[in-house]
């Protein structure tokens, strides 16, 4: 495998990641266009912290 193949592989992987990020941004902007009050949930910290809500009462 030559050096040019390695560079091309890294470049194509980075461009593919960029492509998917742009599609995700497009979809989120499209959702916000139709529902202006919607905001994405704080997904970064919500799964790592234990829930402080009380259990559901019957």
Protein backbone atom coordinates (compact mmCIF):
# COMPACT_ATOMS: atom_id res chain seq x y z
CA UNK A 1 0.00 0.00 0.00
CA UNK A 2 1.57 3.25 -1.08
CA UNK A 3 1.64 6.53 0.73
CA UNK A 4 -0.84 8.03 -1.71
CA UNK A 5 -3.35 5.26 -0.93
CA UNK A 6 -3.08 5.95 2.79
CA UNK A 7 -3.59 9.69 2.26
CA UNK A 8 -6.57 9.05 -0.01
CA UNK A 9 -8.10 6.63 2.52
CA UNK A 10 -7.79 9.14 5.37
CA UNK A 11 -9.15 11.96 3.21
CA UNK A 12 -12.13 9.94 2.02
CA UNK A 13 -12.95 8.87 5.59
CA UNK A 14 -12.85 12.47 6.80
CA UNK A 15 -15.05 13.60 3.91
CA UNK A 16 -17.56 10.83 4.64
CA UNK A 17 -17.76 11.87 8.31
CA UNK A 18 -18.21 15.50 7.23
CA UNK A 19 -20.98 14.42 4.82
CA UNK A 20 -22.90 12.62 7.57
CA UNK A 21 -22.52 15.56 9.96
CA UNK A 22 -23.92 17.92 7.31
CA UNK A 23 -26.90 15.61 6.71
CA UNK A 24 -27.60 15.47 10.45
CA UNK A 25 -27.45 19.26 10.63
CA UNK A 26 -29.80 19.52 7.64
CA UNK A 27 -32.33 17.19 9.27
CA UNK A 28 -32.19 19.06 12.60
CA UNK A 29 -32.66 22.40 10.81
CA UNK A 30 -35.58 20.95 8.86
CA UNK A 31 -37.23 19.76 12.09
CA UNK A 32 -36.72 23.16 13.70
CA UNK A 33 -38.28 24.82 10.62
CA UNK A 34 -41.56 22.99 11.15
CA UNK A 35 -41.52 23.05 14.95
CA UNK A 36 -39.85 26.25 16.13
CA UNK A 37 -40.15 25.46 19.84
CA UNK A 38 -38.27 22.16 19.57
CA UNK A 39 -34.74 21.92 20.91
CA UNK A 40 -32.60 18.78 20.94
CA UNK A 41 -32.35 17.12 24.34
CA UNK A 42 -29.11 17.29 26.26
CA UNK A 43 -28.00 13.84 25.16
CA UNK A 44 -24.41 14.24 26.33
CA UNK A 45 -25.05 14.22 30.06
CA UNK A 46 -28.49 12.66 30.41
CA UNK A 47 -27.31 9.07 29.96
CA UNK A 48 -24.36 9.33 32.31
CA UNK A 49 -26.14 10.75 35.35
CA UNK A 50 -28.58 8.72 37.42
CA UNK A 51 -32.17 9.86 37.28
CA UNK A 52 -33.29 12.03 40.17
CA UNK A 53 -36.97 11.82 39.33
CA UNK A 54 -39.26 9.99 41.72
CA UNK A 55 -40.72 6.70 40.54
CA UNK A 56 -44.11 6.62 38.86
CA UNK A 57 -46.87 6.18 41.38
CA UNK A 58 -49.77 3.85 40.50
